[in-house]
N, C-alpha and C. Protein backbone atom coordinates (compact mmCIF):
# COMPACT_ATOMS: atom_id res chain seq x y z
N MET A 1 12.66 13.40 24.12
CA MET A 1 13.21 12.09 22.88
C MET A 1 11.46 11.38 22.03
N THR A 2 12.47 11.16 21.19
CA THR A 2 11.59 9.98 20.69
C THR A 2 12.28 9.08 20.09
N TRP A 3 10.75 7.76 20.31
CA TRP A 3 11.37 6.19 19.41
C TRP A 3 11.82 5.95 18.39
N GLY A 4 11.27 6.44 17.31
CA GLY A 4 10.93 6.49 16.68
C GLY A 4 9.12 6.61 15.81
N PRO A 5 9.27 5.88 14.65
CA PRO A 5 7.84 5.67 14.16
C PRO A 5 7.59 4.03 14.01
N TYR A 6 6.30 3.79 14.88
CA TYR A 6 6.26 1.89 15.45
C TYR A 6 5.30 1.85 13.70
N TRP A 7 6.29 0.56 12.93
CA TRP A 7 6.08 0.21 11.26
C TRP A 7 4.89 -1.45 11.76
N MET A 8 4.50 -1.21 10.75
CA MET A 8 3.45 -2.10 10.77
C MET A 8 4.05 -2.88 9.05
N PHE A 9 4.03 -4.63 9.06
CA PHE A 9 4.60 -5.17 7.77
C PHE A 9 3.94 -5.42 7.00
N TYR A 10 3.19 -5.44 5.55
CA TYR A 10 2.56 -6.20 4.78
C TYR A 10 2.80 -6.68 3.92
N GLN A 11 1.71 -8.09 3.30
CA GLN A 11 2.17 -8.52 2.09
C GLN A 11 1.36 -8.10 0.80
N CYS A 12 0.95 -8.02 0.36
CA CYS A 12 0.04 -7.79 -0.61
C CYS A 12 -0.71 -9.64 -1.00
N THR A 13 -1.58 -9.97 -0.80
CA THR A 13 -2.28 -10.95 -1.30
C THR A 13 -3.13 -11.10 -2.63
N THR A 14 -2.79 -10.57 -3.11
CA THR A 14 -2.62 -10.66 -4.67
C THR A 14 -1.49 -10.59 -5.42
N CYS A 15 -1.07 -9.45 -5.49
CA CYS A 15 0.13 -9.48 -5.99
C CYS A 15 1.45 -10.24 -5.29
N GLY A 16 1.24 -9.73 -4.04
CA GLY A 16 3.07 -10.58 -3.67
C GLY A 16 3.59 -9.22 -3.02
N LYS A 17 3.66 -8.40 -3.23
CA LYS A 17 4.39 -7.26 -2.71
C LYS A 17 4.71 -6.90 -1.08
N LYS A 18 5.67 -7.08 -0.92
CA LYS A 18 6.22 -6.34 0.60
C LYS A 18 6.00 -5.11 0.69
N PHE A 19 5.47 -4.53 1.86
CA PHE A 19 6.12 -3.21 2.17
C PHE A 19 5.26 -2.95 3.48
N ARG A 20 6.25 -1.43 4.39
CA ARG A 20 5.54 -1.69 5.30
C ARG A 20 5.07 0.00 5.78
N GLN A 21 4.30 0.09 6.06
CA GLN A 21 3.38 1.81 6.85
C GLN A 21 4.51 2.26 8.10
N ALA A 22 4.36 3.27 8.39
CA ALA A 22 4.68 3.84 9.64
C ALA A 22 2.35 4.57 10.31
N LEU A 23 2.77 3.62 11.33
CA LEU A 23 1.27 4.23 11.90
C LEU A 23 1.10 5.92 12.64
N ASP A 24 2.86 6.54 12.74
CA ASP A 24 2.15 7.79 12.38
C ASP A 24 1.85 8.37 11.28
N ASP A 25 2.82 7.92 10.65
CA ASP A 25 2.68 8.98 8.26
C ASP A 25 1.77 8.72 7.91
N THR A 26 0.54 7.10 8.08
CA THR A 26 -0.41 6.78 7.48
C THR A 26 -1.67 6.68 7.78
N ASP A 27 -3.32 7.54 6.99
CA ASP A 27 -4.22 7.85 6.84
C ASP A 27 -4.72 6.26 6.88
N ILE A 28 -5.89 6.67 8.30
CA ILE A 28 -6.35 4.88 8.67
C ILE A 28 -6.99 4.04 7.80
N ASP A 29 -7.28 5.40 6.23
CA ASP A 29 -8.26 4.50 5.86
C ASP A 29 -6.86 3.72 4.49
N GLN A 30 -5.98 4.57 4.70
CA GLN A 30 -4.61 3.81 3.60
C GLN A 30 -4.11 2.87 4.19
N LEU A 31 -4.20 2.17 5.47
CA LEU A 31 -3.69 1.55 6.66
C LEU A 31 -3.79 -0.13 5.70
N GLY A 32 -2.26 -0.51 5.23
CA GLY A 32 -2.28 -1.75 5.24
C GLY A 32 -3.15 -1.73 3.45
N LYS A 33 -3.05 -1.08 2.37
CA LYS A 33 -3.48 -1.52 1.67
C LYS A 33 -2.23 -1.61 0.83
N CYS A 34 -2.12 -2.47 -0.14
CA CYS A 34 -0.64 -2.15 -1.10
C CYS A 34 -1.52 -1.20 -2.33
N PRO A 35 0.09 -0.27 -2.26
CA PRO A 35 0.43 0.88 -3.23
C PRO A 35 0.07 0.45 -4.67
N ALA A 36 0.51 -0.95 -4.79
CA ALA A 36 0.47 -1.21 -6.27
C ALA A 36 -1.19 -1.71 -6.82
N CYS A 37 -1.80 -2.68 -5.86
CA CYS A 37 -2.62 -3.59 -6.28
C CYS A 37 -4.40 -2.06 -5.38
N LYS A 38 -4.00 -1.22 -4.16
CA LYS A 38 -4.87 -0.48 -3.51
C LYS A 38 -6.17 -1.96 -2.78
N ILE A 39 -4.88 -2.70 -2.71
CA ILE A 39 -6.46 -3.95 -2.06
C ILE A 39 -5.47 -4.79 -0.18
N LYS A 40 -6.33 -4.53 0.57
CA LYS A 40 -5.61 -5.08 2.20
C LYS A 40 -4.52 -6.15 2.03
N GLY A 41 -3.15 -5.29 2.43
CA GLY A 41 -2.27 -6.58 2.81
C GLY A 41 -2.77 -7.60 3.62
N GLU A 42 -1.89 -8.35 4.47
CA GLU A 42 -2.46 -9.91 5.12
C GLU A 42 -0.79 -8.83 6.05
N LEU A 43 -0.69 -8.50 6.94
CA LEU A 43 -0.44 -8.64 8.41
C LEU A 43 0.78 -9.29 9.06
N LYS A 44 1.98 -9.22 8.35
CA LYS A 44 3.01 -9.98 8.83
C LYS A 44 3.78 -10.08 10.17
N ALA A 45 4.13 -8.53 10.81
CA ALA A 45 4.51 -8.22 11.49
C ALA A 45 4.87 -7.35 12.03
N GLU A 46 4.83 -6.35 12.73
CA GLU A 46 5.00 -5.30 13.71
C GLU A 46 6.58 -4.79 14.24
N SER A 47 6.11 -3.39 14.36
CA SER A 47 7.48 -3.16 15.51
C SER A 47 8.31 -3.84 16.93
N ASN A 48 7.62 -3.84 17.26
CA ASN A 48 7.95 -4.33 18.63
C ASN A 48 7.92 -5.88 18.33
N ASN A 49 7.73 -6.93 17.26
CA ASN A 49 8.48 -7.74 16.51
C ASN A 49 9.17 -8.12 15.03
N TYR A 50 10.09 -7.57 14.39
CA TYR A 50 10.87 -6.95 13.22
C TYR A 50 10.77 -8.48 13.04
N PRO A 51 10.27 -8.92 10.94
CA PRO A 51 10.23 -9.61 11.17
C PRO A 51 12.03 -9.87 10.42
N SER A 52 13.28 -10.98 10.02
CA SER A 52 14.30 -11.30 10.07
C SER A 52 14.29 -10.51 8.59
N ASP A 53 13.21 -10.35 7.63
CA ASP A 53 13.45 -9.54 6.73
C ASP A 53 13.38 -8.30 6.03
N ALA A 54 13.30 -7.64 6.63
CA ALA A 54 12.40 -5.87 7.20
C ALA A 54 12.98 -5.74 6.17
N ASN A 55 14.30 -5.55 5.59
CA ASN A 55 14.60 -4.45 4.62
C ASN A 55 13.82 -5.28 3.09
N ASP A 56 13.78 -6.14 3.00
CA ASP A 56 12.99 -6.60 1.50
C ASP A 56 11.30 -6.15 1.84
N TYR A 57 10.47 -5.27 2.84
CA TYR A 57 9.34 -4.46 3.14
C TYR A 57 9.90 -2.92 2.56
N GLU A 58 9.41 -2.32 1.36
CA GLU A 58 9.37 -1.35 0.81
C GLU A 58 8.18 -0.15 1.32
N ILE A 59 8.82 1.16 1.66
CA ILE A 59 8.38 1.70 2.84
C ILE A 59 7.56 2.67 1.68
N VAL A 60 6.14 2.75 2.20
CA VAL A 60 5.06 3.35 1.18
C VAL A 60 4.26 4.29 1.80
């Protein structure tokens, strides 16, 4: 049985893009980096405390 991916929810401080990454799917060097700016985003939430607007975060 699997519980599914553990999501990390970020928002870019430069462009404002909201994105999420799965810990089991993301290279440690890319974790938290905005897909548009390639700059480390601000951690907003995690799977253990989903944000109310989780669907607004793009999966990368």
